[in-house]
């Protein structure tokens, strides 16, 4: 009898399950098709992370809560553009969240600037010397590309700790992973990111 191709099976004799990216791609296909269960699953999975990002940046909690709702509407409307081959779902969500927050801040600053001009107030040079929202978004996009290239656990820890504002202990408890493993993953991730930046600088 011909031998079976064992490469298609795990050690337990079962075929391997879908990868994280395959699961994410399927989820977003269902979201794009207006599947209410998929939309609820997307919301439950990322609402805490999106809220933390918004609350850390926007001036008030009500504004952050409004931003969260707007972000998920945007995620639903653009779900068909998600490409799991180009980015992890969490990276894509973070980029859209960041972009929305920057847009919201830009609109707020524009209104404030307009009111100030109408009142005859002069803008200070300090404002114009700051990094523009567009440049901030470009830098954030480059950072997320580097983060997305990290192994899954390292990527998750970096995003949750530096962008989501969680402590390593909180991440450990939520993921059900030993704290020492989380600390080690973060350390290795930072080393890899520094090496990546160094390689890009050297060209």
Protein backbone atom coordinates (compact mmCIF):
# COMPACT_ATOMS: atom_id res chain seq x y z
CA UNK A 1 0.00 0.00 0.00
CA UNK A 2 1.27 3.51 -0.73
CA UNK A 3 2.33 5.49 2.29
CA UNK A 4 0.32 8.52 3.33
CA UNK A 5 1.94 11.92 3.12
CA UNK A 6 2.60 12.53 6.81
CA UNK A 7 3.47 16.20 6.18
CA UNK A 8 -0.25 16.96 6.11
CA UNK A 9 -0.81 15.65 9.60
CA UNK A 10 0.24 16.60 13.09
CA UNK A 11 1.89 14.20 15.53
CA UNK A 12 -1.56 13.27 16.80
CA UNK A 13 -2.58 12.07 13.34
CA UNK A 14 -4.94 14.99 12.78
CA UNK A 15 -4.62 17.59 10.06
CA UNK A 16 -3.35 20.95 11.37
CA UNK A 17 -5.97 23.57 12.13
CA UNK A 18 -6.27 26.93 10.40
CA UNK A 19 -3.62 29.54 11.14
CA UNK A 20 -4.37 32.77 12.98
CA UNK A 21 -4.26 34.73 9.73
CA UNK A 22 -6.66 32.30 8.06
CA UNK A 23 -9.06 32.69 10.98
CA UNK A 24 -8.74 36.48 10.81
CA UNK A 25 -9.30 36.51 7.05
CA UNK A 26 -12.46 34.43 7.47
CA UNK A 27 -13.69 36.73 10.25
CA UNK A 28 -13.26 39.84 8.12
CA UNK A 29 -14.94 38.20 5.12
CA UNK A 30 -17.94 37.58 7.35
CA UNK A 31 -17.82 41.13 8.71
CA UNK A 32 -17.78 42.45 5.13
CA UNK A 33 -20.85 40.30 4.45
CA UNK A 34 -22.60 42.00 7.40
CA UNK A 35 -22.60 38.84 9.53
CA UNK A 36 -23.80 40.13 12.90
CA UNK A 37 -22.04 37.40 14.89
CA UNK A 38 -18.74 38.22 13.17
CA UNK A 39 -19.21 41.95 13.78
CA UNK A 40 -19.89 41.24 17.46
CA UNK A 41 -16.82 38.99 17.63
CA UNK A 42 -14.63 41.71 16.09
CA UNK A 43 -15.97 44.26 18.58
CA UNK A 44 -15.49 42.00 21.60
CA UNK A 45 -11.97 41.12 20.54
CA UNK A 46 -10.67 44.65 20.01
CA UNK A 47 -12.90 47.10 21.89
CA UNK A 48 -10.63 47.30 24.96
CA UNK A 49 -7.54 47.90 22.85
CA UNK A 50 -9.22 50.55 20.68
CA UNK A 51 -10.63 52.32 23.73
CA UNK A 52 -7.24 52.43 25.47
CA UNK A 53 -5.65 53.97 22.39
CA UNK A 54 -8.40 56.57 22.09
CA UNK A 55 -8.50 57.40 25.80
CA UNK A 56 -4.72 57.87 25.98
CA UNK A 57 -4.82 60.41 23.14
CA UNK A 58 -8.15 62.23 23.21
CA UNK A 59 -8.86 64.81 25.92
CA UNK A 60 -12.03 63.33 27.45
CA UNK A 61 -13.62 59.94 28.05
CA UNK A 62 -16.81 60.80 26.09
CA UNK A 63 -14.66 61.72 23.07
CA UNK A 64 -12.79 58.43 23.40
CA UNK A 65 -16.06 56.49 23.60
CA UNK A 66 -17.37 58.28 20.50
CA UNK A 67 -14.12 57.50 18.69
CA UNK A 68 -14.44 53.80 19.53
CA UNK A 69 -17.87 53.61 17.91
CA UNK A 70 -16.62 55.50 14.86
CA UNK A 71 -13.59 53.21 14.52
CA UNK A 72 -15.74 50.08 14.48
CA UNK A 73 -18.04 51.60 11.87
CA UNK A 74 -14.94 52.26 9.77
CA UNK A 75 -13.69 48.71 10.34
CA UNK A 76 -17.04 47.34 9.17
CA UNK A 77 -17.13 49.56 6.07
CA UNK A 78 -13.57 48.69 5.06
CA UNK A 79 -13.60 45.01 6.06
CA UNK A 80 -13.42 43.89 2.43
CA UNK A 81 -10.03 45.64 2.10
CA UNK A 82 -8.36 43.58 4.80
CA UNK A 83 -5.59 41.37 3.41
CA UNK A 84 -4.28 38.80 5.87
CA UNK A 85 -1.25 38.23 3.65
CA UNK A 86 -0.10 41.82 4.15
CA UNK A 87 -0.80 42.41 7.85
CA UNK A 88 -2.10 40.76 10.98
CA UNK A 89 -5.63 41.78 11.89
CA UNK A 90 -4.52 43.44 15.13
CA UNK A 91 -2.03 45.56 13.17
CA UNK A 92 -4.71 46.57 10.68
CA UNK A 93 -7.11 47.51 13.49
CA UNK A 94 -4.42 49.58 15.20
CA UNK A 95 -3.56 51.43 12.00
CA UNK A 96 -7.19 52.31 11.34
CA UNK A 97 -7.66 53.36 14.97
CA UNK A 98 -4.56 55.54 14.89
CA UNK A 99 -5.60 57.10 11.58
CA UNK A 100 -9.06 57.88 12.90
CA UNK A 101 -7.70 59.45 16.10
CA UNK A 102 -5.28 61.60 14.09
CA UNK A 103 -8.13 62.70 11.81
CA UNK A 104 -10.27 63.55 14.82
CA UNK A 105 -7.48 65.58 16.44
CA UNK A 106 -6.82 67.34 13.15
CA UNK A 107 -10.47 68.38 12.87
CA UNK A 108 -10.50 69.58 16.48
CA UNK A 109 -7.32 71.62 16.02
CA UNK A 110 -8.69 73.06 12.79
CA UNK A 111 -11.82 74.28 14.58
CA UNK A 112 -9.75 75.76 17.41
CA UNK A 113 -7.44 77.48 14.92
CA UNK A 114 -10.39 78.93 13.02
CA UNK A 115 -11.95 80.31 16.20
CA UNK A 116 -8.63 81.80 17.26
CA UNK A 117 -8.17 83.53 13.92
CA UNK A 118 -11.68 84.92 14.05
CA UNK A 119 -10.93 86.34 17.47
CA UNK A 120 -7.77 87.94 16.12
CA UNK A 121 -5.40 85.75 18.11
CA UNK A 122 -2.00 84.99 16.64
CA UNK A 123 -0.71 81.44 16.54
CA UNK A 124 2.62 80.82 18.23
CA UNK A 125 5.65 79.44 16.41
CA UNK A 126 5.68 76.44 18.76
CA UNK A 127 2.64 74.93 17.07
CA UNK A 128 4.12 75.07 13.58
CA UNK A 129 7.36 73.49 14.77
CA UNK A 130 5.65 70.30 15.91
CA UNK A 131 5.53 67.17 13.80
CA UNK A 132 2.53 67.31 11.50
CA UNK A 133 -0.29 64.76 11.90
CA UNK A 134 0.55 63.38 8.45
CA UNK A 135 4.18 62.78 9.42
CA UNK A 136 3.06 61.22 12.70
CA UNK A 137 0.80 58.85 10.78
CA UNK A 138 3.61 57.93 8.37
CA UNK A 139 5.99 57.19 11.24
CA UNK A 140 3.35 55.13 13.01
CA UNK A 141 2.71 53.18 9.81
CA UNK A 142 6.41 52.36 9.46
CA UNK A 143 6.57 51.29 13.10
CA UNK A 144 3.57 49.00 12.69
CA UNK A 145 5.14 47.37 9.63
CA UNK A 146 8.15 46.45 11.75
CA UNK A 147 5.95 45.24 14.61
CA UNK A 148 3.84 43.16 12.23
CA UNK A 149 6.96 41.27 11.13
CA UNK A 150 7.55 40.03 14.69
CA UNK A 151 6.52 36.51 15.79
CA UNK A 152 2.92 36.43 17.00
CA UNK A 153 3.53 36.48 20.78
CA UNK A 154 6.16 39.22 20.53
CA UNK A 155 3.87 41.30 18.31
CA UNK A 156 0.95 40.86 20.71
CA UNK A 157 2.99 41.88 23.75
CA UNK A 158 4.42 44.99 22.05
CA UNK A 159 1.01 46.14 20.85
CA UNK A 160 -0.75 45.51 24.14
CA UNK A 161 1.99 47.08 26.29
CA UNK A 162 3.22 50.05 24.27
CA UNK A 163 0.12 50.88 22.24
CA UNK A 164 -2.61 49.45 24.42
CA UNK A 165 -1.20 50.66 27.73
CA UNK A 166 -1.44 47.30 29.50
CA UNK A 167 1.03 46.12 32.12
CA UNK A 168 2.94 42.91 31.49
CA UNK A 169 1.05 41.28 34.35
CA UNK A 170 -2.29 42.20 32.75
CA UNK A 171 -1.12 40.76 29.44
CA UNK A 172 0.04 37.60 31.20
CA UNK A 173 -3.33 37.13 32.90
CA UNK A 174 -5.40 37.83 29.77
CA UNK A 175 -3.35 35.51 27.57
CA UNK A 176 -2.95 32.83 30.23
CA UNK A 177 0.81 32.91 29.66
CA UNK A 178 3.47 32.94 32.41
CA UNK A 179 4.72 36.43 33.27
CA UNK A 180 8.31 35.36 32.65
CA UNK A 181 7.41 34.29 29.12
CA UNK A 182 5.73 37.65 28.49
CA UNK A 183 8.79 39.56 29.77
CA UNK A 184 11.09 37.45 27.62
CA UNK A 185 8.90 37.99 24.54
CA UNK A 186 8.97 41.76 25.04
CA UNK A 187 12.74 41.76 25.50
CA UNK A 188 13.31 39.73 22.33
CA UNK A 189 10.86 41.92 20.42
CA UNK A 190 12.69 45.12 21.36
CA UNK A 191 16.01 43.59 20.33
CA UNK A 192 14.56 42.56 16.96
CA UNK A 193 13.06 46.01 16.39
CA UNK A 194 16.36 47.73 17.19
CA UNK A 195 18.19 45.37 14.83
CA UNK A 196 15.62 46.06 12.10
CA UNK A 197 16.03 49.83 12.46
CA UNK A 198 19.81 49.43 12.38
CA UNK A 199 19.61 47.39 9.18
CA UNK A 200 17.41 50.03 7.54
CA UNK A 201 19.80 52.83 8.54
CA UNK A 202 22.78 50.93 7.14
CA UNK A 203 20.77 50.38 3.97
